[in-house]
Amino acid sequence: MSTPSSAAPATAARNDVWRRFRRNRLGVVGAVIVATLVLMATFAPFLAPEDPASQDLRSRRAPPSAERLLGADEFGRDILSRVIYGARASLVVAVASVAMGLILGSFLGAIAGYLGGAVDTIVMRLMDLLLAFPYLLLAIIIVSALGPGTWNTIIAIAVWTVPAFARVARSAVMQLKDRDFVVAATSLGAKEARILGVHLLPNFAATLVVYASLYLAYAILMESALSFLGLGVQPPTASWAGMIASGRNYVTSAPHIATIPGIAIALAVLGFNLLGDGLRDALDPRTAQR
């Protein structure tokens, strides 16, 4: 049970992080954008004015109006409703894939950095092999082998993110494993799992959080690329990239069909990038002073 004296430094540290983050205006803007996307995805059934799959052929390619704020697509479906539901598809894929890559990559990197030797060589050569492929080509190969679909897209993006998290975890563990507190824990008979999970992980968890927030933006772009090629989220599920793909034939006659979901993707990527930069500066004040 923690005492007030032991809890006070942790509380003060959290307050300092929050204070530094609030001073970063761009980081706050990113947090607002991300929070808006999360609320859209969570409450999509309540926020969407219409069923995203409902068709009204009489309103095909209708421009934005008072009746339909963002217009209708080539099948007469309400674009605002599909953009709101598209946030759900993009966030589910991005969060699930980055979470999988974070867990697997951190585990492999921490094991490689702590044990060293042959384990380190095997793990890192495997990471080098994954990095040898262009990221989009690697994702296309995996999805083509597994088949198109939401979960296979998540797996493909997760595999792509594993090397980045593995390298971060390995580097951090190699720097920390010879510190006095680790040596003391080892001499007291602590097992490797406890040393990694209790003594080492908390010291570089903040770095992993920052990387994860930045890779969420990359994951959204990756999901968009795969869905645009027909390999990602499959119809009739609404996705931003799918809307762009279906609207690219009407760029001259009805540009809003492809432009509006494109703006949504750009805002999502911008939000996660700004949030990641804000978290980096808040968690490591040295970067903010440069």
Protein backbone atom coordinates (compact mmCIF):
# COMPACT_ATOMS: atom_id res chain seq x y z
CA MET A 1 0.00 0.00 0.00
CA SER A 2 1.48 3.32 -1.07
CA THR A 3 1.87 6.10 1.44
CA PRO A 4 1.06 9.76 0.77
CA SER A 5 4.78 10.55 0.69
CA SER A 6 5.44 7.92 -2.00
CA ALA A 7 2.38 8.91 -4.04
CA ALA A 8 3.23 12.64 -4.01
CA PRO A 9 6.17 12.47 -6.47
CA ALA A 10 4.12 10.43 -8.95
CA THR A 11 1.23 12.91 -8.72
CA ALA A 12 3.60 15.84 -9.18
CA ALA A 13 5.15 14.17 -12.23
CA ARG A 14 1.73 13.62 -13.80
CA ASN A 15 0.81 17.24 -13.14
CA ASP A 16 4.03 18.40 -14.80
CA VAL A 17 3.31 16.26 -17.87
CA TRP A 18 -0.22 17.62 -18.12
CA ARG A 19 1.04 21.21 -17.67
CA ARG A 20 3.61 20.83 -20.44
CA PHE A 21 1.06 19.25 -22.74
CA ARG A 22 -1.46 22.07 -22.22
CA ARG A 23 1.21 24.60 -23.16
CA ASN A 24 1.65 22.88 -26.52
CA ARG A 25 -1.20 24.41 -28.50
CA LEU A 26 -0.74 22.17 -31.51
CA GLY A 27 -0.77 19.13 -29.26
CA VAL A 28 -4.06 20.29 -27.74
CA VAL A 29 -5.49 20.80 -31.23
CA GLY A 30 -4.45 17.25 -32.11
CA ALA A 31 -6.07 15.94 -28.93
CA VAL A 32 -9.31 17.75 -29.80
CA ILE A 33 -9.30 16.28 -33.33
CA VAL A 34 -8.64 12.77 -32.03
CA ALA A 35 -11.29 13.11 -29.31
CA THR A 36 -13.79 14.25 -31.94
CA LEU A 37 -13.01 11.22 -34.10
CA VAL A 38 -13.36 8.88 -31.14
CA LEU A 39 -16.74 10.40 -30.23
CA MET A 40 -17.88 10.11 -33.85
CA ALA A 41 -16.89 6.46 -33.99
CA THR A 42 -18.40 5.64 -30.60
CA PHE A 43 -21.73 7.37 -31.10
CA ALA A 44 -22.05 6.89 -34.87
CA PRO A 45 -25.57 5.35 -34.67
CA PHE A 46 -26.78 8.44 -32.79
CA LEU A 47 -24.89 11.09 -34.77
CA ALA A 48 -25.49 9.84 -38.31
CA PRO A 49 -28.65 11.41 -39.76
CA GLU A 50 -29.31 8.39 -42.01
CA ASP A 51 -28.42 4.76 -42.46
CA PRO A 52 -25.02 4.85 -44.25
CA ALA A 53 -26.12 2.02 -46.57
CA SER A 54 -29.55 3.47 -47.39
CA GLN A 55 -29.82 4.37 -51.09
CA ASP A 56 -31.96 7.04 -52.72
CA LEU A 57 -31.37 6.92 -56.46
CA ARG A 58 -33.30 10.15 -56.93
CA SER A 59 -30.57 11.97 -54.97
CA ARG A 60 -27.57 10.51 -56.79
CA ARG A 61 -24.53 12.81 -56.67
CA ALA A 62 -26.59 15.53 -54.98
CA PRO A 63 -24.37 18.45 -53.87
CA PRO A 64 -24.23 19.64 -50.26
CA SER A 65 -27.47 21.30 -49.22
CA ALA A 66 -29.63 22.06 -46.20
CA GLU A 67 -31.26 18.66 -46.56
CA ARG A 68 -27.94 16.81 -46.80
CA LEU A 69 -25.09 18.82 -45.37
CA LEU A 70 -22.34 16.97 -47.26
CA GLY A 71 -24.41 15.81 -50.22
CA ALA A 72 -24.98 12.29 -51.53
CA ASP A 73 -22.76 9.81 -53.38
CA GLU A 74 -23.29 8.03 -56.68
CA PHE A 75 -25.91 5.74 -55.10
CA GLY A 76 -27.74 8.48 -53.25
CA ARG A 77 -26.27 7.54 -49.87
CA ASP A 78 -25.79 10.33 -47.34
CA ILE A 79 -22.10 11.28 -47.30
CA LEU A 80 -22.20 12.75 -43.79
CA SER A 81 -23.50 9.46 -42.39
CA ARG A 82 -20.88 7.49 -44.27
CA VAL A 83 -18.08 9.79 -43.09
CA ILE A 84 -19.22 9.34 -39.48
CA TYR A 85 -19.34 5.55 -39.82
CA GLY A 86 -16.08 5.62 -41.77
CA ALA A 87 -14.37 7.03 -38.68
CA ARG A 88 -15.35 3.86 -36.86
CA ALA A 89 -13.79 1.61 -39.51
CA SER A 90 -10.55 3.61 -39.69
CA LEU A 91 -10.09 3.87 -35.93
CA VAL A 92 -10.87 0.20 -35.29
CA VAL A 93 -8.28 -0.89 -37.85
CA ALA A 94 -5.68 1.66 -36.68
CA VAL A 95 -6.04 1.06 -32.94
CA ALA A 96 -6.24 -2.74 -33.20
CA SER A 97 -3.26 -3.03 -35.57
CA VAL A 98 -1.03 -0.64 -33.61
CA ALA A 99 -1.97 -2.35 -30.33
CA MET A 100 -1.03 -5.75 -31.77
CA GLY A 101 2.23 -4.40 -33.17
CA LEU A 102 3.01 -2.63 -29.89
CA ILE A 103 2.51 -5.74 -27.77
CA LEU A 104 4.34 -8.15 -30.06
CA GLY A 105 7.13 -5.75 -31.03
CA SER A 106 7.78 -4.62 -27.46
CA PHE A 107 7.91 -8.22 -26.27
CA LEU A 108 10.33 -9.33 -28.98
CA GLY A 109 12.52 -6.25 -28.61
CA ALA A 110 12.67 -6.49 -24.83
CA ILE A 111 13.57 -10.18 -24.93
CA ALA A 112 16.23 -9.58 -27.58
CA GLY A 113 17.76 -6.66 -25.69
CA TYR A 114 17.77 -8.39 -22.31
CA LEU A 115 19.00 -11.85 -23.34
CA GLY A 116 21.32 -10.74 -26.15
CA GLY A 117 23.46 -13.30 -27.95
CA ALA A 118 21.79 -15.65 -30.41
CA VAL A 119 18.27 -14.57 -29.38
CA ASP A 120 19.10 -10.95 -30.16
CA THR A 121 20.63 -11.88 -33.49
CA ILE A 122 17.67 -14.01 -34.61
CA VAL A 123 15.02 -11.49 -33.55
CA MET A 124 16.70 -8.47 -35.06
CA ARG A 125 17.53 -10.22 -38.33
CA LEU A 126 13.85 -11.09 -38.59
CA MET A 127 13.01 -7.42 -38.03
CA ASP A 128 15.53 -6.45 -40.71
CA LEU A 129 13.85 -8.87 -43.09
CA LEU A 130 10.48 -7.20 -42.53
CA LEU A 131 12.03 -3.75 -42.97
CA ALA A 132 13.58 -4.83 -46.27
CA PHE A 133 10.14 -4.73 -47.90
CA PRO A 134 8.51 -1.39 -48.79
CA TYR A 135 5.75 -0.96 -46.20
CA LEU A 136 2.86 -0.87 -48.67
CA LEU A 137 4.20 -3.83 -50.65
CA LEU A 138 4.55 -5.85 -47.44
CA ALA A 139 0.95 -5.07 -46.48
CA ILE A 140 -0.32 -5.96 -49.96
CA ILE A 141 1.55 -9.28 -49.87
CA ILE A 142 0.08 -10.20 -46.48
CA VAL A 143 -3.48 -9.19 -47.38
CA SER A 144 -3.24 -10.95 -50.73
CA ALA A 145 -2.12 -14.13 -48.97
CA LEU A 146 -4.78 -13.94 -46.25
CA GLY A 147 -7.57 -12.43 -48.33
CA PRO A 148 -9.16 -8.97 -48.20
CA GLY A 149 -11.11 -7.98 -45.12
CA THR A 150 -10.96 -5.91 -41.97
CA TRP A 151 -9.15 -8.41 -39.71
CA ASN A 152 -6.62 -9.37 -42.35
CA THR A 153 -5.93 -5.67 -42.87
CA ILE A 154 -5.34 -5.33 -39.12
CA ILE A 155 -2.88 -8.24 -39.21
CA ALA A 156 -1.02 -6.80 -42.20
CA ILE A 157 -0.60 -3.38 -40.60
CA ALA A 158 0.36 -4.93 -37.26
CA VAL A 159 3.15 -6.94 -38.89
CA TRP A 160 4.44 -3.76 -40.48
CA THR A 161 4.55 -1.91 -37.13
CA VAL A 162 6.31 -4.70 -35.19
CA PRO A 163 9.91 -3.82 -36.23
CA ALA A 164 9.60 -0.19 -35.09
CA PHE A 165 8.39 -1.10 -31.61
CA ALA A 166 10.91 -3.94 -31.36
CA ARG A 167 13.80 -1.62 -32.09
CA VAL A 168 12.63 0.95 -29.55
CA ALA A 169 12.15 -1.66 -26.81
CA ARG A 170 15.49 -3.37 -27.56
CA SER A 171 17.42 -0.11 -27.47
CA ALA A 172 15.80 0.95 -24.19
CA VAL A 173 16.39 -2.41 -22.50
CA MET A 174 20.02 -2.51 -23.58
CA GLN A 175 20.58 0.92 -22.04
CA LEU A 176 18.81 0.04 -18.78
CA LYS A 177 19.72 -3.57 -18.07
CA ASP A 178 23.10 -2.74 -16.54
CA ARG A 179 21.71 -0.05 -14.22
CA ASP A 180 22.01 -0.50 -10.46
CA PHE A 181 18.32 -1.12 -9.85
CA VAL A 182 18.29 -3.97 -12.38
CA VAL A 183 21.48 -5.48 -10.97
CA ALA A 184 20.00 -5.25 -7.47
CA ALA A 185 16.77 -6.96 -8.57
CA THR A 186 18.77 -9.71 -10.25
CA SER A 187 20.94 -10.28 -7.19
CA LEU A 188 17.80 -10.60 -5.05
CA GLY A 189 16.61 -13.45 -7.27
CA ALA A 190 13.99 -11.66 -9.37
CA LYS A 191 13.02 -13.62 -12.47
CA GLU A 192 13.51 -12.25 -15.98
CA ALA A 193 9.79 -11.72 -16.50
CA ARG A 194 9.51 -9.59 -13.35
CA ILE A 195 12.59 -7.58 -14.21
CA LEU A 196 11.28 -6.83 -17.68
CA GLY A 197 7.71 -6.13 -16.64
CA VAL A 198 8.19 -4.35 -13.32
CA HIS A 199 11.63 -2.76 -13.44
CA LEU A 200 12.38 -2.08 -17.12
CA LEU A 201 9.06 -1.54 -18.92
CA PRO A 202 7.92 1.47 -16.83
CA ASN A 203 11.15 3.27 -17.75
CA PHE A 204 10.48 3.28 -21.50
CA ALA A 205 6.68 2.92 -21.62
CA ALA A 206 6.32 6.65 -22.32
CA THR A 207 8.45 6.32 -25.45
CA LEU A 208 6.27 3.45 -26.65
CA VAL A 209 3.14 5.54 -26.08
CA VAL A 210 4.54 8.35 -28.22
CA TYR A 211 5.50 5.94 -31.00
CA ALA A 212 2.07 4.33 -30.83
CA SER A 213 0.29 7.67 -31.20
CA LEU A 214 2.39 8.52 -34.24
CA TYR A 215 1.94 5.11 -35.81
CA LEU A 216 -1.82 5.44 -35.49
CA ALA A 217 -1.58 8.12 -38.18
CA TYR A 218 0.50 5.83 -40.40
CA ALA A 219 -1.96 2.99 -39.79
CA ILE A 220 -4.85 5.14 -41.00
CA LEU A 221 -2.92 5.94 -44.16
CA MET A 222 -2.08 2.28 -44.65
CA GLU A 223 -5.71 1.22 -44.18
CA SER A 224 -6.75 3.93 -46.62
CA ALA A 225 -4.29 2.71 -49.25
CA LEU A 226 -5.40 -0.92 -48.90
CA SER A 227 -9.10 -0.02 -48.93
CA PHE A 228 -8.60 2.19 -51.98
CA LEU A 229 -7.07 -0.81 -53.75
CA GLY A 230 -9.99 -3.01 -52.70
CA LEU A 231 -7.93 -5.05 -50.22
CA GLY A 232 -8.98 -3.43 -46.97
CA VAL A 233 -12.40 -2.82 -45.45
CA GLN A 234 -14.94 -4.34 -47.79
CA PRO A 235 -18.30 -2.93 -48.90
CA PRO A 236 -20.98 -2.33 -47.76
CA THR A 237 -19.03 -1.21 -44.66
CA ALA A 238 -18.41 2.52 -44.95
CA SER A 239 -14.75 3.51 -45.12
CA TRP A 240 -13.16 6.79 -46.11
CA ALA A 241 -10.82 5.28 -48.68
CA GLY A 242 -13.63 3.20 -50.14
CA MET A 243 -15.64 6.38 -50.60
CA ILE A 244 -12.70 7.98 -52.40
CA ALA A 245 -12.29 4.93 -54.64
CA SER A 246 -15.98 4.90 -55.59
CA GLY A 247 -16.05 8.66 -56.13
CA ARG A 248 -12.91 9.02 -58.22
CA ASN A 249 -14.96 8.57 -61.42
CA TYR A 250 -17.01 11.64 -60.55
CA VAL A 251 -14.23 14.07 -59.68
CA THR A 252 -15.30 16.55 -62.35
CA SER A 253 -19.08 16.21 -62.08
CA ALA A 254 -19.43 15.64 -58.30
CA PRO A 255 -16.08 16.36 -56.61
CA HIS A 256 -17.59 16.31 -53.12
CA ILE A 257 -17.98 12.51 -53.22
CA ALA A 258 -14.22 11.94 -53.12
CA THR A 259 -13.05 15.24 -51.64
CA ILE A 260 -14.94 15.09 -48.33
CA PRO A 261 -13.65 11.66 -47.18
CA GLY A 262 -10.19 12.75 -48.34
CA ILE A 263 -10.41 15.73 -46.01
CA ALA A 264 -11.50 13.39 -43.20
CA ILE A 265 -8.39 11.23 -43.72
CA ALA A 266 -6.15 14.29 -43.77
CA LEU A 267 -7.66 15.63 -40.54
CA ALA A 268 -7.32 12.25 -38.80
CA VAL A 269 -3.66 11.92 -39.78
CA LEU A 270 -2.99 15.53 -38.78
CA GLY A 271 -4.68 15.00 -35.41
CA PHE A 272 -2.65 11.93 -34.49
CA ASN A 273 0.60 13.53 -35.64
CA LEU A 274 -0.02 16.66 -33.57
CA LEU A 275 -1.06 14.57 -30.59
CA GLY A 276 2.07 12.43 -30.90
CA ASP A 277 4.32 15.50 -31.07
CA GLY A 278 2.56 16.98 -28.05
CA LEU A 279 2.96 13.81 -26.04
CA ARG A 280 6.63 13.58 -26.99
CA ASP A 281 7.32 17.10 -25.76
CA ALA A 282 5.25 16.61 -22.60
CA LEU A 283 6.82 13.30 -21.63
CA ASP A 284 10.36 14.41 -22.46
CA PRO A 285 10.81 18.09 -21.59
CA ARG A 286 14.30 18.07 -23.10
CA THR A 287 12.77 17.94 -26.61
CA ALA A 288 10.63 21.00 -25.89
CA GLN A 289 13.72 23.01 -24.92
CA ARG A 290 15.58 22.44 -28.16
